[in-house]
Amino acid sequence: MNEIKLKVRNFLTRFVGPNELKDTDNIFELNIVNSLFAMQLVHFLESEYKIIFTNQELDISNFQSLEAIANIVFSKLTTKNTNN
């Protein structure tokens, strides 16, 4: 999961610049990202990891922190690998 966090952190840094973001920091409350950028983040994750989020998974709580993002991506990858 650390690799997922690193990739997401690098993606965020390309758009919002370097910061001291902790894994549990809420990126929406800190105004690091907004809802429009969240869609770019979802697109990045789906492209990078070859996964698709369902409408139910597109809940802000799944994308509010590096930890939450890593958890949902890891869960999707685990499910994907189990189903193959």
C-alpha atoms as a PDB file:
ATOM      1  CA  MET A   1       0.000   0.000   0.000  1.00  0.00           C
ATOM      2  CA  ASN A   2       2.961   2.307   0.458  1.00  0.00           C
ATOM      3  CA  GLU A   3       3.549   2.177  -3.301  1.00  0.00           C
ATOM      4  CA  ILE A   4      -0.028   3.332  -3.899  1.00  0.00           C
ATOM      5  CA  LYS A   5       0.408   6.216  -1.445  1.00  0.00           C
ATOM      6  CA  LEU A   6       3.666   7.229  -3.120  1.00  0.00           C
ATOM      7  CA  LYS A   7       2.094   7.258  -6.594  1.00  0.00           C
ATOM      8  CA  VAL A   8      -0.875   9.308  -5.378  1.00  0.00           C
ATOM      9  CA  ARG A   9       1.416  11.701  -3.497  1.00  0.00           C
ATOM     10  CA  ASN A  10       3.499  12.176  -6.669  1.00  0.00           C
ATOM     11  CA  PHE A  11       0.347  12.747  -8.723  1.00  0.00           C
ATOM     12  CA  LEU A  12      -0.897  15.396  -6.276  1.00  0.00           C
ATOM     13  CA  THR A  13       2.510  17.067  -6.159  1.00  0.00           C
ATOM     14  CA  ARG A  14       2.511  17.517  -9.942  1.00  0.00           C
ATOM     15  CA  PHE A  15      -0.641  19.617  -9.699  1.00  0.00           C
ATOM     16  CA  VAL A  16      -0.594  21.297  -6.291  1.00  0.00           C
ATOM     17  CA  GLY A  17       3.135  21.489  -5.590  1.00  0.00           C
ATOM     18  CA  PRO A  18       5.146  19.938  -2.779  1.00  0.00           C
ATOM     19  CA  ASN A  19       3.609  19.809   0.674  1.00  0.00           C
ATOM     20  CA  GLU A  20       3.979  18.050   4.005  1.00  0.00           C
ATOM     21  CA  LEU A  21       0.886  15.907   3.536  1.00  0.00           C
ATOM     22  CA  LYS A  22       0.421  13.177   6.129  1.00  0.00           C
ATOM     23  CA  ASP A  23      -1.237   9.911   5.095  1.00  0.00           C
ATOM     24  CA  THR A  24      -4.336  10.736   7.149  1.00  0.00           C
ATOM     25  CA  ASP A  25      -4.692  14.439   6.236  1.00  0.00           C
ATOM     26  CA  ASN A  26      -8.052  15.279   4.668  1.00  0.00           C
ATOM     27  CA  ILE A  27      -7.090  16.683   1.260  1.00  0.00           C
ATOM     28  CA  PHE A  28     -10.516  18.302   0.822  1.00  0.00           C
ATOM     29  CA  GLU A  29     -10.573  20.067   4.196  1.00  0.00           C
ATOM     30  CA  LEU A  30      -7.033  21.318   3.597  1.00  0.00           C
ATOM     31  CA  ASN A  31      -8.143  22.691   0.207  1.00  0.00           C
ATOM     32  CA  ILE A  32      -5.463  20.688  -1.553  1.00  0.00           C
ATOM     33  CA  VAL A  33      -8.056  19.352  -3.982  1.00  0.00           C
ATOM     34  CA  ASN A  34     -11.624  20.206  -4.955  1.00  0.00           C
ATOM     35  CA  SER A  35     -14.393  18.080  -6.435  1.00  0.00           C
ATOM     36  CA  LEU A  36     -13.291  18.747 -10.020  1.00  0.00           C
ATOM     37  CA  PHE A  37      -9.731  17.692  -9.270  1.00  0.00           C
ATOM     38  CA  ALA A  38     -11.108  14.646  -7.449  1.00  0.00           C
ATOM     39  CA  MET A  39     -12.464  13.439 -10.785  1.00  0.00           C
ATOM     40  CA  GLN A  40      -8.981  13.804 -12.288  1.00  0.00           C
ATOM     41  CA  LEU A  41      -7.649  11.782  -9.378  1.00  0.00           C
ATOM     42  CA  VAL A  42     -10.248   9.055  -9.973  1.00  0.00           C
ATOM     43  CA  HIS A  43      -9.319   8.972 -13.667  1.00  0.00           C
ATOM     44  CA  PHE A  44      -5.629   8.699 -12.758  1.00  0.00           C
ATOM     45  CA  LEU A  45      -6.300   5.819 -10.356  1.00  0.00           C
ATOM     46  CA  GLU A  46      -8.482   3.944 -12.827  1.00  0.00           C
ATOM     47  CA  SER A  47      -5.893   4.348 -15.591  1.00  0.00           C
ATOM     48  CA  GLU A  48      -2.866   3.612 -13.436  1.00  0.00           C
ATOM     49  CA  TYR A  49      -4.284   0.509 -11.755  1.00  0.00           C
ATOM     50  CA  LYS A  50      -6.692  -0.716 -14.480  1.00  0.00           C
ATOM     51  CA  ILE A  51      -9.654  -0.597 -12.091  1.00  0.00           C
ATOM     52  CA  ILE A  52     -13.138   0.916 -12.290  1.00  0.00           C
ATOM     53  CA  PHE A  53     -14.903   2.516  -9.352  1.00  0.00           C
ATOM     54  CA  THR A  54     -18.621   1.935  -8.966  1.00  0.00           C
ATOM     55  CA  ASN A  55     -20.953   4.850  -8.245  1.00  0.00           C
ATOM     56  CA  GLN A  56     -21.181   3.691  -4.630  1.00  0.00           C
ATOM     57  CA  GLU A  57     -17.391   3.732  -4.293  1.00  0.00           C
ATOM     58  CA  LEU A  58     -17.196   7.321  -5.543  1.00  0.00           C
ATOM     59  CA  ASP A  59     -17.915   8.520  -2.023  1.00  0.00           C
ATOM     60  CA  ILE A  60     -15.750  11.370  -0.769  1.00  0.00           C
ATOM     61  CA  SER A  61     -14.715   9.309   2.258  1.00  0.00           C
ATOM     62  CA  ASN A  62     -12.852   6.911  -0.073  1.00  0.00           C
ATOM     63  CA  PHE A  63     -10.731   9.743  -1.471  1.00  0.00           C
ATOM     64  CA  GLN A  64     -10.269  12.149   1.434  1.00  0.00           C
ATOM     65  CA  SER A  65      -6.742  11.064   2.378  1.00  0.00           C
ATOM     66  CA  LEU A  66      -3.795   9.123   1.056  1.00  0.00           C
ATOM     67  CA  GLU A  67      -4.683   6.369   3.521  1.00  0.00           C
ATOM     68  CA  ALA A  68      -8.304   6.171   2.317  1.00  0.00           C
ATOM     69  CA  ILE A  69      -7.243   6.200  -1.343  1.00  0.00           C
ATOM     70  CA  ALA A  70      -4.677   3.461  -0.781  1.00  0.00           C
ATOM     71  CA  ASN A  71      -7.290   1.375   1.034  1.00  0.00           C
ATOM     72  CA  ILE A  72      -9.900   1.595  -1.742  1.00  0.00           C
ATOM     73  CA  VAL A  73      -7.334   0.963  -4.492  1.00  0.00           C
ATOM     74  CA  PHE A  74      -5.829  -1.977  -2.580  1.00  0.00           C
ATOM     75  CA  SER A  75      -9.308  -3.385  -2.042  1.00  0.00           C
ATOM     76  CA  LYS A  76     -10.113  -3.071  -5.755  1.00  0.00           C
ATOM     77  CA  LEU A  77      -6.815  -4.699  -6.747  1.00  0.00           C
ATOM     78  CA  THR A  78      -7.322  -7.545  -4.290  1.00  0.00           C
ATOM     79  CA  THR A  79     -10.847  -8.164  -5.580  1.00  0.00           C
ATOM     80  CA  LYS A  80      -9.652  -7.933  -9.196  1.00  0.00           C
ATOM     81  CA  ASN A  81      -6.867 -10.462  -8.602  1.00  0.00           C
ATOM     82  CA  THR A  82      -9.215 -12.811  -6.757  1.00  0.00           C
ATOM     83  CA  ASN A  83     -11.710 -12.757  -9.629  1.00  0.00           C
ATOM     84  CA  ASN A  84      -9.082 -13.515 -12.308  1.00  0.00           C
END
